[in-house]
Amino acid sequence: MASPQSPEPPTLPFPIFRHSQALERYLLYDVNTITWLRATHHILGVLIGTLPQIPQQNVFLGLPLELMQEEARLLVENGIAYIVDDLAWHNQELVRLTDAQKSAFLRELEREGGEAAKAAKKKKKERSEDVLKNARHGFGESASAPHALGSGGENTGEEADGEGGESLLDSSSAPQSSGPVAPSSSEHVHAIVPWAITPTTSYPPLPVPASSPPSPLPTVNASTYALFRHLHGLDYFMSPGLRFGCQLLVYPGDPLRFHSHFLAVGAGWDEEINLLDLIGGGRLGTGVKKGWLIGGVEADERGAAHGSVGSKLSNIANGGGRLDAGIDDARVRTFCIEWGGM
C-alpha cells in the first residue's frame, strides 16, 4: 500500500530501457519514476551512476538505476512498464530532431539553470543575513555591560568639550555627508551565471518512446522469479544477494530503515540440493544474523506425474509465458534454515 506521502505516479505504463542486446541490463533514468516505484511497489534496483573523475565510489551512487531481471519482468507482467531498446530508439529519434527543436531545448535548459542559480543565490543571501543577525544579537548582549559602566563619565567628557572646544574623538571622526553614498565597485550587481543543467532523460526533446505490444519479457531463472514474485506479493523489499552468497536479500521494509532478514535462494521442487550447501547456507545466515531461506514451486501429484509445472517454468525462463498464467495449478513454498550449533 502506498503511504499518504508517496510521490506522484508517472504516466503508466512507463519505459524501461534495455541497454544491450547481448547483456540484458534494464535501466531507469527518471528520478521521479524511481522514487515512486520504491515507495509504491517496493522496487529497489541498484544505483550504478558515478562521477567520471571519481570512478572508485562505492557508496552514494547516482542515476541510472539498474533493475534486476526479476524486477523488470514483474513490472512488465503487471502492465506498469514496457521494454524499449535504448540504442535503437535513440538512433531513430535523434535523426528526426530539427535544429529549431534543439535550440528551443537549449534555451529551456538555460532558463532552468538561471532559475536554479537565482534560487541558490537567494538562499545563500538569506543564510548570511541570519548569521549576521545572530552575530549582532550576541555582540549587543556582550557590549551592554561596558556601555553601562561608561555612562557615568559622560558628564566629564561634555564639560571638557565645553571648555576646550572639540574633543579628540570628534576631530578624528569623518564628517557625514547629507547626499547619497555611491556604491563601491564590489557592491555592483553582477549578472547571474546560469547553472549547467544535465537532464537524466532524453525526453524532452525526444518524444516518450512508444510501447510496441507485445512488450518483450526479460529472461529470468524460473525458480528464482517464482520465489521473487511470491515474496514481493507479501510486501517484502528485495535486492541482489551476491555479497552474501545468495540470490536475493529480503527486507521486511525499506532497506534505509531495516536490515535484511533472509538470504533467499530459489530451487526447483525436485532439484537435488547438496547437503553441504544447506549447512553452509544455514551457518552463513546465522553468522550474519539472518535466516537462510530456500523456496520453490510446489507441484501437485498430477503436475509431478505429467511434468506440466516443469514445462511451464521452462517456458517462463525462456520468455515465452507469464508466471501468473503459467503456474495456476502450483504454489510457492518456502523453508528457513538456521544453524543451531553443537
Protein backbone atom coordinates (compact mmCIF):
# COMPACT_ATOMS: atom_id res chain seq x y z
CA MET A 1 0.00 0.00 0.00
CA ALA A 2 1.23 3.47 -0.85
CA SER A 3 1.84 5.82 2.03
CA PRO A 4 -0.03 9.15 2.21
CA GLN A 5 3.20 10.95 1.38
CA SER A 6 4.10 8.77 -1.61
CA PRO A 7 5.21 10.70 -4.70
CA GLU A 8 3.02 11.39 -7.69
CA PRO A 9 2.80 8.39 -10.04
CA PRO A 10 4.29 8.71 -13.51
CA THR A 11 2.34 8.20 -16.69
CA LEU A 12 1.66 4.48 -16.93
CA PRO A 13 2.99 2.42 -18.47
CA PHE A 14 6.48 3.94 -18.49
CA PRO A 15 9.53 2.78 -20.48
CA ILE A 16 12.32 0.58 -19.14
CA PHE A 17 15.42 0.87 -21.31
CA ARG A 18 17.24 -2.26 -22.32
CA HIS A 19 20.87 -1.27 -22.52
CA SER A 20 22.28 -4.09 -24.63
CA GLN A 21 21.06 -6.95 -26.76
CA ALA A 22 23.92 -9.23 -25.71
CA LEU A 23 23.60 -8.48 -21.97
CA GLU A 24 20.14 -7.96 -20.55
CA ARG A 25 20.56 -4.81 -18.48
CA TYR A 26 17.44 -2.80 -17.71
CA LEU A 27 17.87 0.85 -16.72
CA LEU A 28 15.70 3.67 -15.42
CA TYR A 29 16.78 7.32 -15.73
CA ASP A 30 13.83 9.28 -14.32
CA VAL A 31 14.27 10.04 -10.61
CA ASN A 32 10.53 10.60 -10.11
CA THR A 33 9.73 7.17 -11.53
CA ILE A 34 12.43 5.56 -9.38
CA THR A 35 11.12 7.25 -6.22
CA TRP A 36 7.53 6.24 -6.99
CA LEU A 37 8.50 2.61 -7.64
CA ARG A 38 10.40 2.38 -4.37
CA ALA A 39 7.60 3.89 -2.29
CA THR A 40 4.66 2.21 -4.01
CA HIS A 41 5.85 -1.09 -5.49
CA HIS A 42 8.91 -1.88 -3.32
CA ILE A 43 11.19 -1.97 -6.34
CA LEU A 44 14.75 -1.10 -5.28
CA GLY A 45 17.16 -1.80 -8.13
CA VAL A 46 20.79 -0.73 -7.85
CA LEU A 47 22.15 2.77 -8.50
CA ILE A 48 25.14 2.50 -10.82
CA GLY A 49 25.88 6.13 -11.75
CA THR A 50 29.26 7.52 -10.77
CA LEU A 51 31.37 10.60 -11.42
CA PRO A 52 33.88 10.25 -14.28
CA GLN A 53 36.76 11.69 -12.24
CA ILE A 54 36.00 9.59 -9.15
CA PRO A 55 35.38 6.11 -10.56
CA GLN A 56 36.05 4.19 -7.33
CA GLN A 57 32.95 5.31 -5.47
CA ASN A 58 31.21 2.51 -3.60
CA VAL A 59 28.51 4.45 -1.73
CA PHE A 60 26.12 7.22 -2.66
CA LEU A 61 25.98 6.29 -6.32
CA GLY A 62 23.55 8.07 -8.62
CA LEU A 63 21.43 7.61 -11.69
CA PRO A 64 20.76 5.50 -13.66
CA LEU A 65 19.10 2.74 -11.69
CA GLU A 66 19.67 -0.82 -12.90
CA LEU A 67 16.79 -3.21 -12.30
CA MET A 68 17.14 -6.88 -11.62
CA GLN A 69 15.71 -9.00 -14.42
CA GLU A 70 13.05 -10.25 -11.99
CA GLU A 71 12.05 -6.67 -11.16
CA ALA A 72 11.83 -5.67 -14.82
CA ARG A 73 9.76 -8.73 -15.68
CA LEU A 74 7.37 -8.19 -12.79
CA LEU A 75 6.71 -4.61 -13.90
CA VAL A 76 6.10 -5.68 -17.48
CA GLU A 77 3.79 -8.53 -16.50
CA ASN A 78 1.74 -6.22 -14.29
CA GLY A 79 1.34 -3.69 -17.11
CA ILE A 80 3.24 -0.98 -15.23
CA ALA A 81 6.13 -0.72 -17.71
CA TYR A 82 7.33 -1.86 -21.12
CA ILE A 83 10.74 -2.60 -22.58
CA VAL A 84 12.43 -0.23 -25.04
CA ASP A 85 15.65 -0.86 -26.92
CA ASP A 86 17.75 2.11 -25.79
CA LEU A 87 20.18 2.26 -28.72
CA ALA A 88 17.60 1.65 -31.48
CA TRP A 89 15.21 4.24 -30.07
CA HIS A 90 17.88 6.94 -29.79
CA ASN A 91 19.19 6.27 -33.28
CA GLN A 92 15.68 6.52 -34.69
CA GLU A 93 14.55 9.67 -32.89
CA LEU A 94 17.76 11.73 -32.99
CA VAL A 95 17.64 11.77 -36.79
CA ARG A 96 14.18 13.36 -36.70
CA LEU A 97 15.22 16.13 -34.29
CA THR A 98 15.31 19.53 -36.06
CA ASP A 99 17.68 22.44 -35.37
CA ALA A 100 14.79 24.55 -34.08
CA GLN A 101 13.88 21.87 -31.54
CA LYS A 102 17.49 21.63 -30.42
CA SER A 103 17.75 25.41 -29.96
CA ALA A 104 14.47 25.57 -28.06
CA PHE A 105 15.62 22.77 -25.77
CA LEU A 106 18.94 24.52 -25.07
CA ARG A 107 17.11 27.76 -24.25
CA GLU A 108 14.86 25.90 -21.85
CA LEU A 109 17.87 24.35 -20.13
CA GLU A 110 19.48 27.80 -19.80
CA ARG A 111 16.27 29.19 -18.31
CA GLU A 112 16.07 26.37 -15.77
CA GLY A 113 19.76 26.87 -14.95
CA GLY A 114 19.18 30.58 -14.38
CA GLU A 115 16.27 29.92 -12.04
CA ALA A 116 18.34 27.40 -10.10
CA ALA A 117 21.23 29.87 -9.79
CA LYS A 118 18.89 32.66 -8.60
CA ALA A 119 17.32 30.37 -6.02
CA ALA A 120 20.72 29.29 -4.74
CA LYS A 121 21.96 32.89 -4.52
CA LYS A 122 18.80 33.95 -2.67
CA LYS A 123 19.17 31.11 -0.20
CA LYS A 124 22.82 31.97 0.36
CA LYS A 125 21.92 35.62 0.98
CA GLU A 126 19.23 34.65 3.48
CA ARG A 127 21.66 32.38 5.28
CA SER A 128 24.24 35.20 5.50
CA GLU A 129 21.64 37.60 6.85
CA ASP A 130 20.63 35.09 9.52
CA VAL A 131 24.27 34.68 10.58
CA LEU A 132 24.81 38.45 10.76
CA LYS A 133 21.59 38.92 12.72
CA ASN A 134 22.63 36.30 15.26
CA ALA A 135 26.09 37.85 15.48
CA ARG A 136 24.67 41.34 16.12
CA HIS A 137 22.38 39.92 18.77
CA GLY A 138 25.31 38.27 20.52
CA PHE A 139 27.51 41.37 20.31
CA GLY A 140 24.69 43.55 21.68
CA GLU A 141 24.38 41.44 24.80
CA SER A 142 28.15 41.38 25.41
CA ALA A 143 28.52 45.14 24.84
CA SER A 144 25.67 46.19 27.13
CA ALA A 145 27.78 45.94 30.34
CA PRO A 146 30.71 48.14 29.18
CA HIS A 147 28.20 50.69 27.87
CA ALA A 148 26.58 50.94 31.30
CA LEU A 149 29.93 51.34 33.00
CA GLY A 150 30.98 54.15 30.64
CA SER A 151 27.76 56.11 31.03
CA GLY A 152 28.97 57.58 34.35
CA GLY A 153 31.80 59.51 32.70
CA GLU A 154 29.71 61.22 30.03
CA ASN A 155 29.43 64.46 32.05
CA THR A 156 33.19 64.75 32.28
CA GLY A 157 33.51 64.49 28.54
CA GLU A 158 30.80 67.07 27.98
CA GLU A 159 32.50 69.53 30.32
CA ALA A 160 35.78 69.03 28.54
CA ASP A 161 34.10 69.65 25.21
CA GLY A 162 32.56 72.85 26.52
CA GLU A 163 35.77 74.21 27.93
CA GLY A 164 38.36 73.07 25.45
CA GLY A 165 36.43 73.02 22.18
CA GLU A 166 36.22 69.85 20.10
CA SER A 167 37.48 66.67 21.65
CA LEU A 168 39.99 64.37 20.04
CA LEU A 169 37.28 61.82 19.36
CA ASP A 170 35.15 64.31 17.49
CA SER A 171 38.07 65.57 15.44
CA SER A 172 39.04 62.05 14.36
CA SER A 173 35.58 61.17 13.09
CA ALA A 174 34.84 61.77 9.43
CA PRO A 175 32.14 64.32 8.58
CA GLN A 176 28.84 62.82 7.47
CA SER A 177 27.56 63.68 4.04
CA SER A 178 23.93 64.53 3.56
CA GLY A 179 23.89 63.26 -0.03
CA PRO A 180 23.55 59.63 -1.16
CA VAL A 181 26.64 57.44 -0.95
CA ALA A 182 27.79 55.96 -4.23
CA PRO A 183 28.10 52.18 -4.08
CA SER A 184 31.56 50.72 -4.30
CA SER A 185 32.64 48.51 -7.16
CA SER A 186 32.27 45.38 -5.00
CA GLU A 187 28.60 46.17 -4.41
CA HIS A 188 27.67 46.24 -8.08
CA VAL A 189 25.14 43.59 -9.01
CA HIS A 190 26.72 41.13 -11.41
CA ALA A 191 24.79 39.07 -13.91
CA ILE A 192 23.90 35.64 -12.52
CA VAL A 193 25.61 32.86 -14.43
CA PRO A 194 23.11 30.05 -15.13
CA TRP A 195 23.93 26.66 -13.75
CA ALA A 196 24.69 23.86 -16.15
CA ILE A 197 21.69 21.52 -16.25
CA THR A 198 22.29 17.93 -17.35
CA PRO A 199 18.98 16.12 -17.97
CA THR A 200 18.85 12.48 -16.90
CA THR A 201 16.31 11.56 -19.57
CA SER A 202 16.20 12.18 -23.32
CA TYR A 203 12.54 13.21 -23.36
CA PRO A 204 12.27 16.08 -23.91
CA PRO A 205 13.48 16.95 -26.52
CA LEU A 206 12.70 13.47 -27.85
CA PRO A 207 9.16 12.15 -27.56
CA VAL A 208 8.41 9.48 -24.97
CA PRO A 209 9.18 6.10 -26.55
CA ALA A 210 6.04 4.31 -27.57
CA SER A 211 5.29 0.79 -26.46
CA SER A 212 5.06 -1.83 -29.18
CA PRO A 213 2.84 -4.63 -27.89
CA PRO A 214 3.52 -7.29 -27.05
CA SER A 215 6.41 -5.95 -24.96
CA PRO A 216 9.29 -8.44 -24.77
CA LEU A 217 9.68 -10.17 -21.44
CA PRO A 218 13.05 -10.22 -19.71
CA THR A 219 14.69 -13.62 -19.42
CA VAL A 220 14.70 -14.91 -15.85
CA ASN A 221 15.53 -18.01 -13.86
CA ALA A 222 12.12 -19.62 -13.37
CA SER A 223 12.69 -20.81 -9.79
CA THR A 224 14.21 -17.52 -8.66
CA TYR A 225 11.47 -15.48 -10.31
CA ALA A 226 8.72 -17.59 -8.75
CA LEU A 227 10.28 -17.00 -5.31
CA PHE A 228 10.77 -13.30 -6.05
CA ARG A 229 7.17 -12.82 -7.12
CA HIS A 230 5.92 -14.73 -4.09
CA LEU A 231 7.92 -12.64 -1.61
CA HIS A 232 7.07 -9.42 -3.43
CA GLY A 233 3.40 -10.27 -3.07
CA LEU A 234 3.99 -10.43 0.69
CA ASP A 235 5.27 -6.80 0.64
CA TYR A 236 8.93 -7.64 1.09
CA PHE A 237 11.71 -5.49 -0.39
CA MET A 238 14.42 -7.37 -2.28
CA SER A 239 17.86 -6.58 -3.65
CA PRO A 240 20.64 -8.67 -5.26
CA GLY A 241 22.27 -11.02 -2.77
CA LEU A 242 25.66 -11.62 -4.36
CA ARG A 243 27.60 -10.11 -1.45
CA PHE A 244 26.06 -12.71 0.89
CA GLY A 245 26.34 -15.66 -1.46
CA CYS A 246 22.62 -15.89 -2.24
CA GLN A 247 20.23 -14.80 -4.96
CA LEU A 248 18.06 -12.30 -3.08
CA LEU A 249 18.36 -10.24 0.08
CA VAL A 250 14.92 -9.99 1.66
CA TYR A 251 13.96 -6.96 3.78
CA PRO A 252 10.80 -6.55 5.88
CA GLY A 253 10.68 -2.87 4.92
CA ASP A 254 12.70 -0.21 3.15
CA PRO A 255 16.45 -1.01 3.43
CA LEU A 256 17.03 2.55 4.61
CA ARG A 257 15.18 1.58 7.79
CA PHE A 258 15.68 -2.17 8.17
CA HIS A 259 18.39 -4.78 7.91
CA SER A 260 17.66 -7.80 5.72
CA HIS A 261 16.04 -10.75 7.47
CA PHE A 262 16.58 -13.54 4.92
CA LEU A 263 19.13 -14.78 2.40
CA ALA A 264 16.86 -16.25 -0.28
CA VAL A 265 17.67 -18.93 -2.84
CA GLY A 266 15.24 -20.34 -5.40
CA ALA A 267 15.28 -24.00 -6.36
CA GLY A 268 13.22 -26.48 -8.32
CA TRP A 269 10.82 -28.67 -6.39
CA ASP A 270 12.59 -31.90 -7.43
CA GLU A 271 16.05 -30.35 -7.60
CA GLU A 272 18.70 -32.11 -5.58
CA ILE A 273 20.41 -29.83 -3.09
CA ASN A 274 23.85 -30.65 -1.76
CA LEU A 275 23.87 -31.18 1.98
CA LEU A 276 26.99 -29.01 2.27
CA ASP A 277 25.07 -26.17 0.63
CA LEU A 278 22.33 -26.49 3.25
CA ILE A 279 24.84 -26.48 6.08
CA GLY A 280 26.91 -23.68 4.60
CA GLY A 281 23.84 -21.55 3.88
CA GLY A 282 22.44 -22.09 7.37
CA ARG A 283 25.75 -21.25 9.03
CA LEU A 284 26.25 -18.20 6.83
CA GLY A 285 22.77 -16.87 7.56
CA THR A 286 23.12 -17.42 11.29
CA GLY A 287 26.57 -15.83 11.28
CA VAL A 288 25.23 -12.61 9.79
CA LYS A 289 22.05 -12.70 11.93
CA LYS A 290 19.76 -13.67 9.06
CA GLY A 291 17.81 -16.72 8.06
CA TRP A 292 18.77 -18.78 5.00
CA LEU A 293 15.54 -19.11 3.04
CA ILE A 294 15.00 -21.59 0.22
CA GLY A 295 11.84 -21.70 -1.85
CA GLY A 296 10.34 -23.14 -4.97
CA VAL A 297 7.15 -24.02 -6.80
CA GLU A 298 5.36 -26.99 -5.31
CA ALA A 299 3.78 -29.31 -7.84
CA ASP A 300 0.75 -31.44 -7.12
CA GLU A 301 0.63 -35.12 -7.94
CA ARG A 302 -0.81 -34.51 -11.39
CA GLY A 303 1.79 -31.87 -12.18
CA ALA A 304 4.61 -34.07 -10.99
CA ALA A 305 3.33 -37.02 -12.97
CA HIS A 306 2.85 -35.21 -16.25
CA GLY A 307 5.64 -32.69 -15.90
CA SER A 308 3.27 -29.79 -16.56
CA VAL A 309 4.78 -27.45 -13.96
CA GLY A 310 8.32 -28.11 -15.10
CA SER A 311 7.49 -27.42 -18.72
CA LYS A 312 5.66 -24.20 -17.80
CA LEU A 313 8.56 -22.97 -15.70
CA SER A 314 10.94 -23.75 -18.54
CA ASN A 315 8.70 -21.76 -20.89
CA ILE A 316 8.73 -18.84 -18.43
CA ALA A 317 12.51 -18.91 -18.18
CA ASN A 318 12.77 -18.60 -21.96
CA GLY A 319 10.48 -15.57 -22.02
CA GLY A 320 7.60 -17.44 -23.58
CA GLY A 321 4.92 -17.01 -20.95
CA ARG A 322 3.79 -15.17 -17.87
CA LEU A 323 4.09 -16.62 -14.39
CA ASP A 324 0.55 -15.80 -13.31
CA ALA A 325 -0.83 -17.70 -16.30
CA GLY A 326 1.80 -20.44 -16.23
CA ILE A 327 1.55 -21.95 -12.76
CA ASP A 328 -2.06 -21.56 -11.71
CA ASP A 329 -2.03 -25.20 -10.55
CA ALA A 330 1.04 -24.74 -8.33
CA ARG A 331 2.16 -22.64 -5.39
CA VAL A 332 5.41 -21.44 -3.89
CA ARG A 333 6.62 -22.88 -0.59
CA THR A 334 9.50 -21.50 1.46
CA PHE A 335 11.68 -23.01 4.16
CA CYS A 336 14.01 -21.15 6.53
CA ILE A 337 17.15 -22.85 7.78
CA GLU A 338 19.14 -21.68 10.79
CA TRP A 339 22.29 -23.15 12.32
CA GLY A 340 21.69 -24.23 15.88
CA GLY A 341 25.30 -25.16 16.74
CA MET A 342 26.60 -28.18 18.63
